[in-house]
């Protein structure tokens, strides 16, 4: 039977009805209890243009099932294959990312929320195939400093990857780094510390102690220690990271200024003032040379 699924008004109590379209196809209308709708579901449901685009991405016989059934979880069991559902989630994510690139988070957010919900209904909340959806939505929340919204997404992303890849896999670096940034930006420095430490360990083990990824992780952990007032712990990390930065970027490039300034602040706090001033002088000289270069 050729069936077209459409949406009906959302009413308390929920119902499903059916009729026939002008071309003879059976049209099933689905509505759901408002108590079952999340905020993202409501946003998706009300955006008729979004529903239309999602429907167009599927076979014409499926129609707007995404809004009515997948997101709300209502109605009869519907035979839509997993690959089609994941394709809808992927296209929603791609459209959202185009808005993120333009810093239009208001337009991107409901798309990403819908994409995650579609992916979850397709494969479940702990399947590795939803990791991208979790990460992209979490990054949007981080950009908006919505730490409480980002935290459970990143924690779930990390848990899924640990369960499927193992705790030592280098692919864990993304959620680990994101959680480190989240807790530091949130002001929860003690919670951030184990994630920064773990990031250093991952890069050190996988890429080696002289890799620039390792150096960046060292700088991050050193900066965190400095914020916590743990200057004795921060100093050797800066000391280790600096020659790697110099080798990778050059000794007089703007890319090393932030590290020089952070290292100088730590040395000053430790009353190693001559060393601190030498680093500050070096940082100022790099800035001055960069400003003096002709702009092309």
C-alpha atoms as a PDB file:
ATOM      1  CA  UNK A   1       0.000   0.000   0.000  1.00  0.00           C
ATOM      2  CA  UNK A   2       1.271   3.465  -0.884  1.00  0.00           C
ATOM      3  CA  UNK A   3       0.969   5.513   2.322  1.00  0.00           C
ATOM      4  CA  UNK A   4       1.592   9.205   2.875  1.00  0.00           C
ATOM      5  CA  UNK A   5       2.210  10.209   6.488  1.00  0.00           C
ATOM      6  CA  UNK A   6       1.257  13.761   7.424  1.00  0.00           C
ATOM      7  CA  UNK A   7       1.125  15.750  10.641  1.00  0.00           C
ATOM      8  CA  UNK A   8      -1.985  16.824  12.480  1.00  0.00           C
ATOM      9  CA  UNK A   9      -2.431  19.491  15.146  1.00  0.00           C
ATOM     10  CA  UNK A  10      -0.874  18.574  18.462  1.00  0.00           C
ATOM     11  CA  UNK A  11      -3.681  18.144  20.979  1.00  0.00           C
ATOM     12  CA  UNK A  12      -3.870  16.867  24.507  1.00  0.00           C
ATOM     13  CA  UNK A  13      -4.507  13.140  24.616  1.00  0.00           C
ATOM     14  CA  UNK A  14      -3.215  12.309  21.156  1.00  0.00           C
ATOM     15  CA  UNK A  15      -4.945  10.482  18.330  1.00  0.00           C
ATOM     16  CA  UNK A  16      -4.345   8.946  14.940  1.00  0.00           C
ATOM     17  CA  UNK A  17      -6.713   9.243  12.023  1.00  0.00           C
ATOM     18  CA  UNK A  18      -6.666   8.516   8.341  1.00  0.00           C
ATOM     19  CA  UNK A  19      -8.267   9.363   5.015  1.00  0.00           C
ATOM     20  CA  UNK A  20      -7.290   9.462   1.372  1.00  0.00           C
ATOM     21  CA  UNK A  21      -5.497  12.099  -0.617  1.00  0.00           C
ATOM     22  CA  UNK A  22      -6.667  13.338  -4.011  1.00  0.00           C
ATOM     23  CA  UNK A  23      -4.418  10.818  -5.745  1.00  0.00           C
ATOM     24  CA  UNK A  24      -5.846   7.905  -3.794  1.00  0.00           C
ATOM     25  CA  UNK A  25      -3.016   7.345  -1.330  1.00  0.00           C
ATOM     26  CA  UNK A  26      -3.929   6.531   2.261  1.00  0.00           C
ATOM     27  CA  UNK A  27      -2.970   9.493   4.455  1.00  0.00           C
ATOM     28  CA  UNK A  28      -2.343   8.753   8.133  1.00  0.00           C
ATOM     29  CA  UNK A  29      -2.542  11.754  10.436  1.00  0.00           C
ATOM     30  CA  UNK A  30      -0.737  11.530  13.753  1.00  0.00           C
ATOM     31  CA  UNK A  31      -0.970  13.772  16.755  1.00  0.00           C
ATOM     32  CA  UNK A  32       0.637  13.374  20.148  1.00  0.00           C
ATOM     33  CA  UNK A  33       0.080  14.450  23.752  1.00  0.00           C
ATOM     34  CA  UNK A  34       1.756  17.752  24.468  1.00  0.00           C
ATOM     35  CA  UNK A  35       3.217  16.198  27.597  1.00  0.00           C
ATOM     36  CA  UNK A  36       5.371  13.953  25.400  1.00  0.00           C
ATOM     37  CA  UNK A  37       6.883  16.786  23.429  1.00  0.00           C
ATOM     38  CA  UNK A  38      10.307  18.149  24.252  1.00  0.00           C
ATOM     39  CA  UNK A  39      11.163  21.758  23.463  1.00  0.00           C
ATOM     40  CA  UNK A  40      13.082  20.671  20.404  1.00  0.00           C
ATOM     41  CA  UNK A  41      10.135  18.611  19.195  1.00  0.00           C
ATOM     42  CA  UNK A  42       7.858  21.616  19.440  1.00  0.00           C
ATOM     43  CA  UNK A  43      10.321  23.772  17.542  1.00  0.00           C
ATOM     44  CA  UNK A  44      10.607  21.166  14.840  1.00  0.00           C
ATOM     45  CA  UNK A  45       6.864  20.571  14.700  1.00  0.00           C
ATOM     46  CA  UNK A  46       6.046  24.238  14.276  1.00  0.00           C
ATOM     47  CA  UNK A  47       8.568  24.875  11.536  1.00  0.00           C
ATOM     48  CA  UNK A  48       6.521  23.836   8.524  1.00  0.00           C
ATOM     49  CA  UNK A  49       9.316  24.563   6.060  1.00  0.00           C
ATOM     50  CA  UNK A  50      11.657  22.308   8.045  1.00  0.00           C
ATOM     51  CA  UNK A  51       9.075  19.541   8.103  1.00  0.00           C
ATOM     52  CA  UNK A  52       8.646  19.897   4.371  1.00  0.00           C
ATOM     53  CA  UNK A  53      12.367  19.637   3.707  1.00  0.00           C
ATOM     54  CA  UNK A  54      12.703  16.595   5.942  1.00  0.00           C
ATOM     55  CA  UNK A  55       9.811  14.916   4.194  1.00  0.00           C
ATOM     56  CA  UNK A  56      11.337  15.601   0.796  1.00  0.00           C
ATOM     57  CA  UNK A  57      14.522  13.856   1.826  1.00  0.00           C
ATOM     58  CA  UNK A  58      12.642  10.599   2.301  1.00  0.00           C
ATOM     59  CA  UNK A  59      10.697   8.501  -0.116  1.00  0.00           C
ATOM     60  CA  UNK A  60       7.529  10.349  -1.184  1.00  0.00           C
ATOM     61  CA  UNK A  61       5.434   7.655   0.447  1.00  0.00           C
ATOM     62  CA  UNK A  62       6.838   8.473   3.874  1.00  0.00           C
ATOM     63  CA  UNK A  63       6.024  12.175   4.053  1.00  0.00           C
ATOM     64  CA  UNK A  64       6.288  14.104   7.323  1.00  0.00           C
ATOM     65  CA  UNK A  65       6.755  11.115   9.579  1.00  0.00           C
ATOM     66  CA  UNK A  66       9.868  12.766  10.991  1.00  0.00           C
ATOM     67  CA  UNK A  67       7.922  15.489  12.779  1.00  0.00           C
ATOM     68  CA  UNK A  68       4.841  13.482  13.744  1.00  0.00           C
ATOM     69  CA  UNK A  69       6.184  10.090  14.711  1.00  0.00           C
ATOM     70  CA  UNK A  70       9.964   9.961  15.005  1.00  0.00           C
ATOM     71  CA  UNK A  71      10.415  13.070  17.094  1.00  0.00           C
ATOM     72  CA  UNK A  72       7.309  12.666  19.233  1.00  0.00           C
ATOM     73  CA  UNK A  73       7.442   8.904  19.529  1.00  0.00           C
ATOM     74  CA  UNK A  74       3.716   8.541  18.859  1.00  0.00           C
ATOM     75  CA  UNK A  75       1.590   6.582  16.430  1.00  0.00           C
ATOM     76  CA  UNK A  76       1.891   3.062  15.067  1.00  0.00           C
ATOM     77  CA  UNK A  77       5.157   1.280  14.364  1.00  0.00           C
ATOM     78  CA  UNK A  78       6.309   2.542  10.988  1.00  0.00           C
ATOM     79  CA  UNK A  79       8.517   0.601   8.615  1.00  0.00           C
ATOM     80  CA  UNK A  80      11.152   3.176   7.746  1.00  0.00           C
ATOM     81  CA  UNK A  81      14.637   1.763   7.449  1.00  0.00           C
ATOM     82  CA  UNK A  82      17.459   2.890   9.701  1.00  0.00           C
ATOM     83  CA  UNK A  83      19.571   4.190   6.832  1.00  0.00           C
ATOM     84  CA  UNK A  84      16.810   6.582   5.737  1.00  0.00           C
ATOM     85  CA  UNK A  85      16.401   7.927   9.244  1.00  0.00           C
ATOM     86  CA  UNK A  86      20.135   8.454   9.619  1.00  0.00           C
ATOM     87  CA  UNK A  87      20.225  10.203   6.251  1.00  0.00           C
ATOM     88  CA  UNK A  88      17.581  12.643   7.476  1.00  0.00           C
ATOM     89  CA  UNK A  89      19.617  13.260  10.646  1.00  0.00           C
ATOM     90  CA  UNK A  90      22.734  13.806   8.541  1.00  0.00           C
ATOM     91  CA  UNK A  91      21.040  16.317   6.256  1.00  0.00           C
ATOM     92  CA  UNK A  92      19.568  18.215   9.181  1.00  0.00           C
ATOM     93  CA  UNK A  93      23.046  18.388  10.723  1.00  0.00           C
ATOM     94  CA  UNK A  94      24.629  19.597   7.500  1.00  0.00           C
ATOM     95  CA  UNK A  95      22.057  22.356   7.141  1.00  0.00           C
ATOM     96  CA  UNK A  96      22.588  23.346  10.763  1.00  0.00           C
ATOM     97  CA  UNK A  97      26.349  23.511  10.288  1.00  0.00           C
ATOM     98  CA  UNK A  98      25.866  25.999   7.466  1.00  0.00           C
ATOM     99  CA  UNK A  99      24.131  28.279   9.965  1.00  0.00           C
ATOM    100  CA  UNK A 100      26.781  27.662  12.643  1.00  0.00           C
ATOM    101  CA  UNK A 101      29.449  28.818  10.181  1.00  0.00           C
ATOM    102  CA  UNK A 102      27.558  32.130   9.991  1.00  0.00           C
ATOM    103  CA  UNK A 103      27.122  32.286  13.788  1.00  0.00           C
ATOM    104  CA  UNK A 104      23.372  31.925  13.357  1.00  0.00           C
ATOM    105  CA  UNK A 105      22.838  29.682  16.366  1.00  0.00           C
ATOM    106  CA  UNK A 106      19.131  30.463  16.611  1.00  0.00           C
ATOM    107  CA  UNK A 107      18.528  28.794  13.246  1.00  0.00           C
ATOM    108  CA  UNK A 108      21.003  25.988  13.865  1.00  0.00           C
ATOM    109  CA  UNK A 109      19.795  24.828  17.268  1.00  0.00           C
ATOM    110  CA  UNK A 110      16.380  23.338  16.369  1.00  0.00           C
ATOM    111  CA  UNK A 111      17.923  21.617  13.360  1.00  0.00           C
ATOM    112  CA  UNK A 112      20.586  19.988  15.535  1.00  0.00           C
ATOM    113  CA  UNK A 113      18.077  19.038  18.208  1.00  0.00           C
ATOM    114  CA  UNK A 114      15.868  17.450  15.583  1.00  0.00           C
ATOM    115  CA  UNK A 115      18.828  15.627  14.030  1.00  0.00           C
ATOM    116  CA  UNK A 116      19.771  14.110  17.380  1.00  0.00           C
ATOM    117  CA  UNK A 117      16.225  12.981  18.078  1.00  0.00           C
ATOM    118  CA  UNK A 118      15.878  11.408  14.643  1.00  0.00           C
ATOM    119  CA  UNK A 119      19.197   9.593  15.030  1.00  0.00           C
ATOM    120  CA  UNK A 120      18.235   8.356  18.491  1.00  0.00           C
ATOM    121  CA  UNK A 121      14.938   6.969  17.258  1.00  0.00           C
ATOM    122  CA  UNK A 122      16.808   5.238  14.446  1.00  0.00           C
ATOM    123  CA  UNK A 123      19.580   3.507  16.395  1.00  0.00           C
ATOM    124  CA  UNK A 124      19.072   4.227  20.083  1.00  0.00           C
ATOM    125  CA  UNK A 125      20.641   6.632  22.607  1.00  0.00           C
ATOM    126  CA  UNK A 126      23.934   4.759  23.047  1.00  0.00           C
ATOM    127  CA  UNK A 127      24.795   3.832  19.458  1.00  0.00           C
ATOM    128  CA  UNK A 128      28.130   5.171  18.124  1.00  0.00           C
ATOM    129  CA  UNK A 129      26.324   6.546  15.072  1.00  0.00           C
ATOM    130  CA  UNK A 130      24.830   9.372  17.153  1.00  0.00           C
ATOM    131  CA  UNK A 131      28.229  10.643  18.349  1.00  0.00           C
ATOM    132  CA  UNK A 132      28.438  13.313  15.652  1.00  0.00           C
ATOM    133  CA  UNK A 133      24.968  14.576  16.590  1.00  0.00           C
ATOM    134  CA  UNK A 134      25.911  14.775  20.260  1.00  0.00           C
ATOM    135  CA  UNK A 135      29.201  16.549  19.580  1.00  0.00           C
ATOM    136  CA  UNK A 136      27.920  19.140  17.122  1.00  0.00           C
ATOM    137  CA  UNK A 137      24.997  20.148  19.331  1.00  0.00           C
ATOM    138  CA  UNK A 138      27.300  20.292  22.366  1.00  0.00           C
ATOM    139  CA  UNK A 139      29.728  22.553  20.491  1.00  0.00           C
ATOM    140  CA  UNK A 140      26.881  24.934  19.694  1.00  0.00           C
ATOM    141  CA  UNK A 141      25.954  25.074  23.371  1.00  0.00           C
ATOM    142  CA  UNK A 142      29.595  25.683  24.291  1.00  0.00           C
ATOM    143  CA  UNK A 143      29.761  28.565  21.816  1.00  0.00           C
ATOM    144  CA  UNK A 144      26.743  30.054  23.591  1.00  0.00           C
ATOM    145  CA  UNK A 145      28.257  29.300  27.026  1.00  0.00           C
ATOM    146  CA  UNK A 146      25.315  27.040  27.846  1.00  0.00           C
ATOM    147  CA  UNK A 147      27.448  24.688  29.898  1.00  0.00           C
ATOM    148  CA  UNK A 148      24.596  22.866  31.618  1.00  0.00           C
ATOM    149  CA  UNK A 149      23.103  21.946  28.234  1.00  0.00           C
ATOM    150  CA  UNK A 150      26.427  20.831  26.746  1.00  0.00           C
ATOM    151  CA  UNK A 151      27.590  18.730  29.686  1.00  0.00           C
ATOM    152  CA  UNK A 152      25.240  15.695  29.387  1.00  0.00           C
ATOM    153  CA  UNK A 153      25.778  15.524  25.617  1.00  0.00           C
ATOM    154  CA  UNK A 154      29.566  15.417  25.950  1.00  0.00           C
ATOM    155  CA  UNK A 155      29.445  13.001  28.866  1.00  0.00           C
ATOM    156  CA  UNK A 156      27.280  10.661  26.798  1.00  0.00           C
ATOM    157  CA  UNK A 157      29.559  11.027  23.760  1.00  0.00           C
ATOM    158  CA  UNK A 158      32.571  10.103  25.893  1.00  0.00           C
ATOM    159  CA  UNK A 159      30.785   7.149  27.510  1.00  0.00           C
ATOM    160  CA  UNK A 160      29.697   5.740  24.139  1.00  0.00           C
ATOM    161  CA  UNK A 161      33.212   5.996  22.725  1.00  0.00           C
ATOM    162  CA  UNK A 162      34.811   4.486  25.815  1.00  0.00           C
ATOM    163  CA  UNK A 163      32.395   1.551  25.615  1.00  0.00           C
ATOM    164  CA  UNK A 164      33.011   0.939  21.918  1.00  0.00           C
ATOM    165  CA  UNK A 165      36.664   1.954  21.451  1.00  0.00           C
ATOM    166  CA  UNK A 166      38.200   1.441  24.866  1.00  0.00           C
ATOM    167  CA  UNK A 167      39.462   3.992  27.357  1.00  0.00           C
ATOM    168  CA  UNK A 168      42.854   4.405  25.643  1.00  0.00           C
ATOM    169  CA  UNK A 169      41.706   5.145  22.091  1.00  0.00           C
ATOM    170  CA  UNK A 170      43.047   8.456  20.679  1.00  0.00           C
ATOM    171  CA  UNK A 171      39.617   9.274  19.234  1.00  0.00           C
ATOM    172  CA  UNK A 172      38.557  10.051  22.791  1.00  0.00           C
ATOM    173  CA  UNK A 173      40.586  13.263  22.572  1.00  0.00           C
ATOM    174  CA  UNK A 174      37.634  15.248  21.192  1.00  0.00           C
ATOM    175  CA  UNK A 175      35.114  14.671  23.996  1.00  0.00           C
ATOM    176  CA  UNK A 176      37.896  14.791  26.598  1.00  0.00           C
ATOM    177  CA  UNK A 177      39.130  18.165  25.296  1.00  0.00           C
ATOM    178  CA  UNK A 178      35.581  19.489  25.009  1.00  0.00           C
ATOM    179  CA  UNK A 179      34.775  18.505  28.590  1.00  0.00           C
ATOM    180  CA  UNK A 180      38.004  20.128  29.777  1.00  0.00           C
ATOM    181  CA  UNK A 181      36.999  23.379  28.045  1.00  0.00           C
ATOM    182  CA  UNK A 182      33.438  23.095  29.330  1.00  0.00           C
ATOM    183  CA  UNK A 183      34.354  22.783  32.993  1.00  0.00           C
ATOM    184  CA  UNK A 184      37.063  25.440  32.776  1.00  0.00           C
ATOM    185  CA  UNK A 185      34.706  27.877  31.051  1.00  0.00           C
ATOM    186  CA  UNK A 186      32.074  27.060  33.649  1.00  0.00           C
ATOM    187  CA  UNK A 187      34.492  27.898  36.434  1.00  0.00           C
ATOM    188  CA  UNK A 188      34.577  24.295  37.697  1.00  0.00           C
ATOM    189  CA  UNK A 189      38.338  24.028  37.652  1.00  0.00           C
ATOM    190  CA  UNK A 190      38.634  20.915  39.796  1.00  0.00           C
ATOM    191  CA  UNK A 191      36.334  19.039  37.419  1.00  0.00           C
ATOM    192  CA  UNK A 192      38.319  20.280  34.423  1.00  0.00           C
ATOM    193  CA  UNK A 193      41.673  19.099  35.782  1.00  0.00           C
ATOM    194  CA  UNK A 194      41.329  15.324  35.185  1.00  0.00           C
ATOM    195  CA  UNK A 195      40.209  15.943  31.619  1.00  0.00           C
ATOM    196  CA  UNK A 196      43.210  18.173  30.854  1.00  0.00           C
ATOM    197  CA  UNK A 197      45.485  15.596  32.439  1.00  0.00           C
ATOM    198  CA  UNK A 198      43.891  12.817  30.444  1.00  0.00           C
ATOM    199  CA  UNK A 199      44.313  14.805  27.225  1.00  0.00           C
ATOM    200  CA  UNK A 200      48.037  15.203  27.898  1.00  0.00           C
ATOM    201  CA  UNK A 201      48.295  11.461  28.542  1.00  0.00           C
ATOM    202  CA  UNK A 202      46.462  10.570  25.298  1.00  0.00           C
ATOM    203  CA  UNK A 203      48.620  12.775  23.077  1.00  0.00           C
ATOM    204  CA  UNK A 204      51.829  11.885  24.896  1.00  0.00           C
ATOM    205  CA  UNK A 205      51.178   8.174  24.455  1.00  0.00           C
ATOM    206  CA  UNK A 206      49.789   8.229  20.909  1.00  0.00           C
ATOM    207  CA  UNK A 207      51.709  11.066  19.236  1.00  0.00           C
ATOM    208  CA  UNK A 208      54.789  11.304  21.416  1.00  0.00           C
ATOM    209  CA  UNK A 209      56.151  13.823  23.926  1.00  0.00           C
ATOM    210  CA  UNK A 210      57.489  16.179  21.240  1.00  0.00           C
ATOM    211  CA  UNK A 211      54.314  16.478  19.151  1.00  0.00           C
ATOM    212  CA  UNK A 212      52.646  19.893  19.022  1.00  0.00           C
ATOM    213  CA  UNK A 213      49.299  18.392  20.053  1.00  0.00           C
ATOM    214  CA  UNK A 214      51.016  17.290  23.232  1.00  0.00           C
ATOM    215  CA  UNK A 215      52.435  20.791  23.673  1.00  0.00           C
ATOM    216  CA  UNK A 216      49.003  22.394  23.305  1.00  0.00           C
ATOM    217  CA  UNK A 217      47.609  19.992  25.890  1.00  0.00           C
ATOM    218  CA  UNK A 218      50.494  20.814  28.223  1.00  0.00           C
ATOM    219  CA  UNK A 219      49.814  24.533  27.833  1.00  0.00           C
ATOM    220  CA  UNK A 220      46.136  23.968  28.596  1.00  0.00           C
ATOM    221  CA  UNK A 221      46.864  22.022  31.765  1.00  0.00           C
ATOM    222  CA  UNK A 222      49.516  24.558  32.810  1.00  0.00           C
ATOM    223  CA  UNK A 223      47.051  27.404  32.341  1.00  0.00           C
ATOM    224  CA  UNK A 224      44.474  25.570  34.426  1.00  0.00           C
ATOM    225  CA  UNK A 225      46.967  24.978  37.220  1.00  0.00           C
ATOM    226  CA  UNK A 226      47.844  28.677  37.120  1.00  0.00           C
ATOM    227  CA  UNK A 227      44.171  29.619  37.498  1.00  0.00           C
ATOM    228  CA  UNK A 228      43.980  27.315  40.500  1.00  0.00           C
ATOM    229  CA  UNK A 229      47.077  28.908  42.023  1.00  0.00           C
ATOM    230  CA  UNK A 230      49.102  25.708  41.575  1.00  0.00           C
ATOM    231  CA  UNK A 231      52.149  27.488  40.221  1.00  0.00           C
ATOM    232  CA  UNK A 232      54.659  24.801  41.141  1.00  0.00           C
ATOM    233  CA  UNK A 233      52.649  22.302  39.076  1.00  0.00           C
ATOM    234  CA  UNK A 234      52.202  24.728  36.170  1.00  0.00           C
ATOM    235  CA  UNK A 235      55.849  25.772  35.760  1.00  0.00           C
ATOM    236  CA  UNK A 236      57.351  22.458  34.541  1.00  0.00           C
ATOM    237  CA  UNK A 237      54.506  22.061  32.028  1.00  0.00           C
ATOM    238  CA  UNK A 238      55.218  25.494  30.515  1.00  0.00           C
ATOM    239  CA  UNK A 239      58.929  24.684  30.580  1.00  0.00           C
ATOM    240  CA  UNK A 240      58.287  21.476  28.653  1.00  0.00           C
ATOM    241  CA  UNK A 241      55.835  23.014  26.166  1.00  0.00           C
ATOM    242  CA  UNK A 242      57.887  26.080  25.200  1.00  0.00           C
ATOM    243  CA  UNK A 243      60.669  24.373  23.182  1.00  0.00           C
ATOM    244  CA  UNK A 244      58.056  22.351  21.277  1.00  0.00           C
ATOM    245  CA  UNK A 245      56.220  25.573  20.358  1.00  0.00           C
ATOM    246  CA  UNK A 246      59.519  27.144  19.309  1.00  0.00           C
ATOM    247  CA  UNK A 247      60.391  24.179  17.121  1.00  0.00           C
ATOM    248  CA  UNK A 248      56.976  24.022  15.467  1.00  0.00           C
ATOM    249  CA  UNK A 249      56.227  27.737  15.058  1.00  0.00           C
ATOM    250  CA  UNK A 250      59.616  29.406  15.329  1.00  0.00           C
ATOM    251  CA  UNK A 251      61.043  31.353  18.205  1.00  0.00           C
ATOM    252  CA  UNK A 252      59.734  34.760  17.171  1.00  0.00           C
ATOM    253  CA  UNK A 253      56.235  34.014  15.933  1.00  0.00           C
ATOM    254  CA  UNK A 254      53.021  35.407  17.375  1.00  0.00           C
ATOM    255  CA  UNK A 255      51.783  31.834  17.894  1.00  0.00           C
ATOM    256  CA  UNK A 256      54.060  31.438  20.932  1.00  0.00           C
ATOM    257  CA  UNK A 257      53.196  34.756  22.613  1.00  0.00           C
ATOM    258  CA  UNK A 258      50.298  33.415  24.658  1.00  0.00           C
ATOM    259  CA  UNK A 259      52.488  30.669  26.095  1.00  0.00           C
ATOM    260  CA  UNK A 260      55.312  33.127  26.859  1.00  0.00           C
ATOM    261  CA  UNK A 261      52.910  35.436  28.691  1.00  0.00           C
ATOM    262  CA  UNK A 262      51.308  32.613  30.661  1.00  0.00           C
ATOM    263  CA  UNK A 263      54.705  31.223  31.619  1.00  0.00           C
ATOM    264  CA  UNK A 264      55.861  34.703  32.683  1.00  0.00           C
ATOM    265  CA  UNK A 265      52.856  35.148  34.975  1.00  0.00           C
ATOM    266  CA  UNK A 266      53.576  31.841  36.685  1.00  0.00           C
ATOM    267  CA  UNK A 267      57.253  32.695  37.180  1.00  0.00           C
ATOM    268  CA  UNK A 268      56.312  36.082  38.611  1.00  0.00           C
ATOM    269  CA  UNK A 269      53.956  34.414  41.091  1.00  0.00           C
ATOM    270  CA  UNK A 270      56.857  32.183  42.111  1.00  0.00           C
ATOM    271  CA  UNK A 271      58.994  35.318  42.587  1.00  0.00           C
ATOM    272  CA  UNK A 272      61.329  34.345  39.780  1.00  0.00           C
ATOM    273  CA  UNK A 273      61.079  37.892  38.528  1.00  0.00           C
ATOM    274  CA  UNK A 274      64.152  38.064  36.289  1.00  0.00           C
ATOM    275  CA  UNK A 275      63.027  35.012  34.324  1.00  0.00           C
ATOM    276  CA  UNK A 276      59.487  36.365  34.133  1.00  0.00           C
ATOM    277  CA  UNK A 277      60.644  39.734  32.814  1.00  0.00           C
ATOM    278  CA  UNK A 278      62.813  38.061  30.172  1.00  0.00           C
ATOM    279  CA  UNK A 279      59.784  36.194  28.836  1.00  0.00           C
ATOM    280  CA  UNK A 280      57.591  39.321  28.928  1.00  0.00           C
ATOM    281  CA  UNK A 281      60.258  41.293  27.048  1.00  0.00           C
ATOM    282  CA  UNK A 282      60.454  38.575  24.446  1.00  0.00           C
ATOM    283  CA  UNK A 283      56.669  38.515  24.021  1.00  0.00           C
ATOM    284  CA  UNK A 284      56.547  42.317  23.598  1.00  0.00           C
ATOM    285  CA  UNK A 285      59.307  42.213  20.989  1.00  0.00           C
ATOM    286  CA  UNK A 286      57.422  39.585  18.957  1.00  0.00           C
ATOM    287  CA  UNK A 287      54.297  41.741  19.059  1.00  0.00           C
ATOM    288  CA  UNK A 288      56.211  44.837  17.987  1.00  0.00           C
ATOM    289  CA  UNK A 289      57.858  43.059  15.058  1.00  0.00           C
ATOM    290  CA  UNK A 290      54.513  41.654  13.960  1.00  0.00           C
ATOM    291  CA  UNK A 291      52.929  45.128  14.050  1.00  0.00           C
ATOM    292  CA  UNK A 292      55.841  46.582  12.080  1.00  0.00           C
ATOM    293  CA  UNK A 293      55.512  44.103   9.225  1.00  0.00           C
ATOM    294  CA  UNK A 294      53.765  45.524   6.155  1.00  0.00           C
ATOM    295  CA  UNK A 295      50.247  44.178   5.749  1.00  0.00           C
ATOM    296  CA  UNK A 296      49.443  42.584   2.413  1.00  0.00           C
END
